[in-house]
Protein backbone atom coordinates (compact mmCIF):
# COMPACT_ATOMS: atom_id res chain seq x y z
CA MET A 1 64.90 106.15 90.73
CA ILE A 2 63.25 103.04 92.40
CA CYS A 3 61.23 100.78 90.05
CA SER A 4 58.37 98.93 91.65
CA MET A 5 57.91 95.37 90.62
CA LYS A 6 54.61 96.24 89.13
CA SER A 7 56.09 98.77 86.62
CA ALA A 8 59.27 96.80 86.13
CA PRO A 9 59.91 95.70 82.35
CA ILE A 10 61.96 92.81 83.51
CA ARG A 11 60.17 90.42 85.81
CA PRO A 12 61.46 87.20 87.44
CA HIS A 13 60.23 84.89 84.68
CA HIS A 14 62.29 86.89 82.21
CA ILE A 15 65.53 85.88 84.01
CA ALA A 16 65.45 82.25 82.56
CA LEU A 17 64.16 83.50 79.11
CA LEU A 18 67.25 85.76 78.87
CA GLN A 19 69.69 83.45 80.25
CA VAL A 20 68.71 80.86 77.71
CA LEU A 21 68.55 83.31 74.91
CA SER A 22 72.21 84.59 75.68
CA THR A 23 73.48 81.21 74.82
CA SER A 24 71.13 80.22 71.94
CA SER A 25 71.77 81.12 68.30
CA THR A 26 68.14 80.81 67.29
CA LEU A 27 64.66 81.08 68.80
CA THR A 28 63.95 77.55 67.86
CA GLU A 29 66.92 76.31 69.99
CA ALA A 30 65.84 78.67 72.98
CA ALA A 31 62.29 77.00 72.77
CA HIS A 32 63.62 73.52 72.80
CA ARG A 33 65.78 74.27 75.89
CA LEU A 34 62.91 76.10 77.66
CA ASN A 35 60.65 73.27 76.67
CA ILE A 36 58.10 75.56 75.30
CA THR A 37 56.99 76.24 71.53
CA GLN A 38 59.00 78.76 69.32
CA PRO A 39 55.94 81.01 68.91
CA ALA A 40 55.69 81.32 72.73
CA VAL A 41 59.29 82.36 72.94
CA SER A 42 58.87 84.87 70.11
CA LYS A 43 55.65 86.37 71.69
CA GLN A 44 57.64 86.69 75.23
CA LEU A 45 60.43 88.44 73.50
CA SER A 46 58.45 90.74 71.54
CA GLN A 47 56.43 91.82 74.56
CA LEU A 48 59.76 92.45 76.51
CA HIS A 49 60.95 94.56 73.70
CA GLU A 50 57.85 96.49 73.68
CA ASP A 51 57.93 97.07 77.53
CA LEU A 52 61.67 98.11 77.51
CA GLY A 53 61.30 100.29 74.46
CA TYR A 54 64.35 98.99 72.86
CA ARG A 55 65.49 95.71 71.21
CA LEU A 56 67.71 93.10 73.02
CA PHE A 57 68.26 91.00 69.78
CA GLU A 58 68.50 91.67 66.18
CA ARG A 59 67.72 88.96 63.45
CA ARG A 60 70.21 88.15 60.88
CA GLY A 61 68.52 85.61 58.75
CA HIS A 62 67.57 82.77 61.51
CA THR A 63 70.24 83.90 63.84
CA LEU A 64 69.79 86.11 66.90
CA ARG A 65 72.52 88.70 67.62
CA PRO A 66 72.43 90.28 71.17
CA THR A 67 72.56 94.12 71.17
CA PHE A 68 74.87 96.13 73.44
CA GLU A 69 71.91 96.50 75.84
CA ALA A 70 71.58 92.78 75.94
CA ARG A 71 75.09 91.97 76.80
CA ALA A 72 75.05 94.51 79.66
CA LEU A 73 71.93 92.71 81.04
CA PHE A 74 73.45 89.29 80.60
CA ASP A 75 76.30 90.48 83.01
CA GLN A 76 73.66 91.33 85.69
CA ILE A 77 71.65 88.20 85.21
CA GLY A 78 74.95 86.20 85.90
CA ARG A 79 74.99 88.03 89.30
CA VAL A 80 71.28 87.36 90.05
CA ASN A 81 71.96 83.78 89.21
CA SER A 82 74.91 83.79 91.82
CA SER A 83 72.65 85.29 94.40
CA LEU A 84 69.95 82.72 93.71
CA LEU A 85 72.66 79.97 94.09
CA VAL A 86 73.71 81.28 97.51
CA LEU A 87 69.80 81.50 98.40
CA ASN A 88 69.37 77.92 97.50
CA GLU A 89 72.33 76.68 99.40
CA LEU A 90 71.02 78.35 102.39
CA ALA A 91 67.65 77.11 101.93
CA THR A 92 69.03 73.50 101.54
CA GLU A 93 71.25 73.92 104.59
CA PHE A 94 68.26 74.85 106.74
CA ARG A 95 66.31 71.85 105.24
CA ASP A 96 68.99 69.27 105.66
CA ALA A 97 70.29 70.88 108.96
CA ARG A 98 71.24 68.36 111.59
CA PRO A 99 71.36 68.95 115.21
CA GLY A 100 75.16 69.66 116.19
CA HIS A 101 76.39 70.99 112.93
CA LEU A 102 78.72 74.00 113.25
CA GLN A 103 79.68 75.87 110.07
CA ILE A 104 83.04 77.70 110.64
CA GLY A 105 84.78 80.10 108.23
CA CYS A 106 88.44 80.81 109.12
CA ILE A 107 91.53 82.50 107.73
CA PRO A 108 94.25 80.00 107.11
CA SER A 109 96.79 81.09 109.83
CA ALA A 110 93.88 80.93 112.43
CA ALA A 111 92.93 77.61 111.12
CA ILE A 112 96.37 76.31 111.87
CA HIS A 113 97.09 77.88 115.26
CA LEU A 114 93.94 78.80 117.09
CA LEU A 115 90.87 76.82 115.83
CA PRO A 116 92.16 73.39 116.37
CA HIS A 117 92.87 74.00 120.20
CA ALA A 118 89.27 75.49 120.67
CA LEU A 119 87.51 72.75 118.53
CA LEU A 120 89.07 70.09 120.75
CA GLN A 121 87.65 71.61 123.86
CA ILE A 122 84.04 71.69 122.65
CA GLN A 123 84.23 68.31 120.72
CA SER A 124 85.54 66.66 123.70
CA ALA A 125 82.44 67.63 125.61
CA ASN A 126 80.16 67.05 122.50
CA LYS A 127 81.00 63.80 120.94
CA ASP A 128 78.11 64.17 118.15
CA LEU A 129 79.30 67.66 117.09
CA LEU A 130 79.83 67.99 113.30
CA SER A 131 82.09 70.75 112.45
CA THR A 132 82.56 71.97 108.80
CA ILE A 133 85.47 74.40 108.30
CA HIS A 134 85.90 76.65 105.14
CA THR A 135 88.98 78.47 104.86
CA GLY A 136 89.57 81.90 102.99
CA ASN A 137 90.78 85.35 103.33
CA THR A 138 89.20 87.97 105.52
CA ALA A 139 86.97 89.27 102.81
CA GLN A 140 85.70 85.85 101.86
CA VAL A 141 84.92 84.99 105.55
CA ILE A 142 82.99 88.25 106.00
CA GLN A 143 80.99 87.52 102.99
CA TRP A 144 80.21 84.14 104.30
CA VAL A 145 78.89 85.50 107.64
CA ASP A 146 76.89 88.17 105.46
CA THR A 147 75.29 85.42 103.48
CA GLN A 148 74.69 83.28 106.60
CA GLN A 149 76.71 80.38 105.01
CA VAL A 150 78.54 79.95 108.41
CA ASP A 151 77.61 80.10 112.02
CA VAL A 152 80.81 81.81 113.09
CA ALA A 153 83.97 83.10 111.30
CA ILE A 154 87.48 83.94 112.41
CA GLY A 155 89.27 86.64 110.44
CA MET A 156 91.16 90.09 110.74
CA LYS A 157 89.27 92.80 112.34
CA VAL A 158 87.69 95.27 109.67
CA SER A 159 86.88 98.93 110.03
CA ASN A 160 83.38 98.42 110.32
CA SER A 161 83.43 95.42 112.71
CA GLU A 162 80.50 96.79 114.73
CA LYS A 163 78.12 95.56 111.90
CA TRP A 164 78.52 92.08 113.26
CA HIS A 165 78.70 90.33 116.65
CA TYR A 166 82.53 90.89 116.78
CA VAL A 167 84.67 89.57 119.61
CA PRO A 168 88.34 90.56 119.55
CA LEU A 169 90.76 87.72 120.11
CA LEU A 170 94.25 88.40 119.29
CA PRO A 171 96.23 91.68 118.59
CA LEU A 172 99.18 91.09 116.20
CA LYS A 173 102.18 93.03 114.82
CA LEU A 174 103.83 92.42 111.44
CA GLU A 175 107.00 90.38 111.03
CA CYS A 176 109.45 89.63 108.21
CA LEU A 177 110.06 86.09 107.20
CA MET A 178 113.09 85.01 105.13
CA VAL A 179 115.46 82.08 104.85
CA HIS A 180 118.03 81.77 107.60
CA ASN A 181 121.11 82.83 105.44
CA HIS A 182 119.57 85.94 104.18
CA PRO A 183 121.62 89.18 104.59
CA LEU A 184 119.00 90.83 106.66
CA ALA A 185 118.74 87.86 109.30
CA LYS A 186 121.70 89.37 111.04
CA LEU A 187 119.41 92.30 112.11
CA ASN A 188 117.41 92.10 115.45
CA THR A 189 114.60 94.33 114.01
CA ILE A 190 113.94 95.36 110.39
CA THR A 191 112.67 98.80 109.09
CA ALA A 192 111.28 99.86 105.87
CA SER A 193 114.69 101.48 104.75
CA ASP A 194 116.37 98.17 105.56
CA LEU A 195 114.21 96.34 102.96
CA ASN A 196 115.07 98.74 100.16
CA GLY A 197 117.30 96.88 97.52
CA TYR A 198 115.88 93.30 98.47
CA GLN A 199 113.08 91.40 96.88
CA VAL A 200 109.90 91.84 99.09
CA ILE A 201 106.77 89.80 99.03
CA GLY A 202 103.83 92.12 100.30
CA ILE A 203 100.36 91.27 101.42
CA GLU A 204 97.47 93.08 99.66
CA TYR A 205 94.84 93.01 102.59
CA PRO A 206 91.19 93.91 101.71
CA SER A 207 90.53 97.64 102.04
CA VAL A 208 88.23 96.99 104.80
CA VAL A 209 90.76 95.45 107.15
CA TRP A 210 91.29 97.59 110.24
CA ARG A 211 95.01 98.67 110.55
CA GLY A 212 94.92 100.59 113.98
CA GLU A 213 93.27 103.68 115.36
CA GLY A 214 92.94 106.42 112.67
CA GLN A 215 93.50 103.84 109.91
CA LEU A 216 97.29 104.26 109.71
CA PRO A 217 98.98 104.14 106.20
CA TRP A 218 99.77 100.61 105.13
CA TRP A 219 103.31 99.64 105.74
CA ASP A 220 104.06 99.15 102.17
CA GLN A 221 103.60 102.91 101.37
CA GLU A 222 107.02 103.27 102.79
CA LEU A 223 108.69 100.68 100.64
CA VAL A 224 109.97 100.96 96.98
CA SER A 225 111.14 97.34 96.69
CA VAL A 226 107.90 95.32 96.71
CA GLN A 227 108.23 92.83 93.72
CA THR A 228 105.42 90.54 94.42
CA ARG A 229 101.79 91.26 96.07
CA VAL A 230 99.42 88.46 96.93
CA ASP A 231 96.21 88.47 99.00
CA SER A 232 97.14 85.72 101.26
CA ALA A 233 99.77 85.74 104.04
CA HIS A 234 100.06 81.94 103.86
CA VAL A 235 101.12 82.49 100.10
CA ALA A 236 103.59 85.24 100.79
CA CYS A 237 105.23 83.14 103.59
CA LYS A 238 105.48 80.12 101.44
CA MET A 239 107.10 82.27 98.55
CA ALA A 240 109.67 83.42 101.43
CA GLU A 241 110.19 79.72 102.27
CA LEU A 242 111.30 78.92 98.67
CA GLY A 243 113.67 81.68 98.77
CA MET A 244 111.81 84.33 96.50
CA GLY A 245 112.25 87.20 99.09
CA VAL A 246 111.32 88.70 102.44
CA ALA A 247 107.73 88.20 103.16
CA ILE A 248 105.91 90.78 105.44
CA ALA A 249 102.87 89.18 107.28
CA ASP A 250 101.16 89.06 110.63
CA SER A 251 102.95 87.17 113.07
CA LEU A 252 100.31 84.54 113.34
CA SER A 253 100.78 83.58 109.77
CA VAL A 254 104.53 83.82 110.22
CA ALA A 255 104.48 81.35 113.22
CA SER A 256 103.16 78.86 110.78
CA PHE A 257 106.41 78.68 108.97
CA ALA A 258 108.84 78.87 111.92
CA ASN A 259 111.47 76.09 111.52
CA GLU A 260 115.31 75.89 111.55
CA ARG A 261 115.56 76.81 107.93
CA MET A 262 113.44 80.21 108.43
CA CYS A 263 114.23 83.28 110.13
CA ARG A 264 111.70 85.76 111.49
CA ARG A 265 112.28 89.32 112.74
CA PRO A 266 109.95 91.96 113.92
CA PHE A 267 109.10 94.70 111.40
CA ARG A 268 109.10 98.25 112.96
CA ASN A 269 106.04 100.10 111.86
CA GLN A 270 102.98 101.61 113.49
CA VAL A 271 100.44 99.23 111.92
CA ARG A 272 98.41 97.00 114.29
CA ALA A 273 96.34 94.21 113.23
CA GLU A 274 93.79 92.12 115.14
CA ILE A 275 92.05 88.72 114.75
CA GLY A 276 88.52 88.31 116.11
CA VAL A 277 85.32 86.26 115.72
CA TYR A 278 82.25 87.29 113.74
CA ARG A 279 78.73 86.20 113.94
CA ALA A 280 75.87 87.39 111.91
CA THR A 281 73.46 89.66 113.97
CA ASP A 282 70.38 88.09 112.42
CA ARG A 283 71.43 84.48 112.28
CA PRO A 284 69.61 82.10 114.76
CA GLY A 285 71.67 81.45 117.81
CA ASN A 286 73.76 78.43 117.94
CA ASP A 287 74.92 77.21 121.23
CA PHE A 288 77.86 75.41 119.67
CA ALA A 289 79.12 78.84 118.13
CA LYS A 290 78.87 80.50 121.57
CA SER A 291 80.86 77.77 123.08
CA LEU A 292 83.58 78.00 120.26
CA VAL A 293 83.97 81.61 120.95
CA ILE A 294 84.29 81.02 124.73
CA ALA A 295 86.88 78.21 124.05
CA LEU A 296 88.75 80.51 121.69
CA GLN A 297 88.78 83.29 124.37
CA ARG A 298 90.22 80.69 126.83
CA TYR A 299 92.96 79.53 124.62
CA MET A 300 94.05 83.19 123.83
CA SER A 301 94.60 83.85 127.55
CA SER A 302 97.24 80.98 127.53
CA LEU A 303 99.11 82.89 124.70
CA GLU A 304 99.38 86.25 126.36
CA LEU A 305 102.92 85.44 127.73
CA SER A 306 104.13 83.43 124.66
CA PRO A 307 106.57 85.34 122.36
CA GLU A 308 105.69 82.95 119.42
CA PHE A 309 103.02 85.33 118.18
CA ASN A 310 104.65 88.63 118.89
CA LEU A 311 101.51 90.14 120.52
CA ALA A 312 101.01 93.88 120.31
């Protein structure tokens, strides 16, 4: 049932009241923090109780005790405040926006291997361009696009990528990363059965990440030896570098740790990953964002014959 603002018992001005009451032990304390009189707070709370049809606080002497219903509402108020924070940040960004400011969200592996080459091209042609780069996993960079905190984001392809302006950049396979003297280093290709009996560090990708046509099962459903799960391929590879086990990650992330101490081997499975660029469909156009996409595509074409990234 949808409740109109006219009939809604909790109105915008109640948010501040309930937020302060949630961390105040008395009405007097709440009134002082709200910079109004204690009778005014008592009147607002009484009216809210009447509109709701139940009480949010019980008095024990001079102390206020929140009811079960109040505690449930406090959790939602926290979410409202988080959304308000994002709203204010966006409003401030528009107010303080300077010409030539490009906000970029990016997963770590792409920030290391792809983004610098593309940025170099457009910054060479635009000396006054300011680029702000925020790194996070795919779920985070998608959220930044949704909330319009960035002009453009680079992340793994998600199953509903058509929701945004999405441009595919780089198809990837999965690889195994381990120290050079690991017993599995003698194999040319590694299968799921080869990993049984060894310490494996697995990536827990967000459920929205695309994994091939028909949404093939995740590789780790074939394994029984995953000891550690992380939501960052970079962290998994770092653990492998420390000798904690065999990390399974996309080849772009594995490439970040390629050195004489580490061994990388293709992981035989049907899962396919893809990295691409996202832009919000309703965010005002940014010429620098468009230039960045073109520069990224140009750089991708130079990688097609490179074995470094194990292209699918």
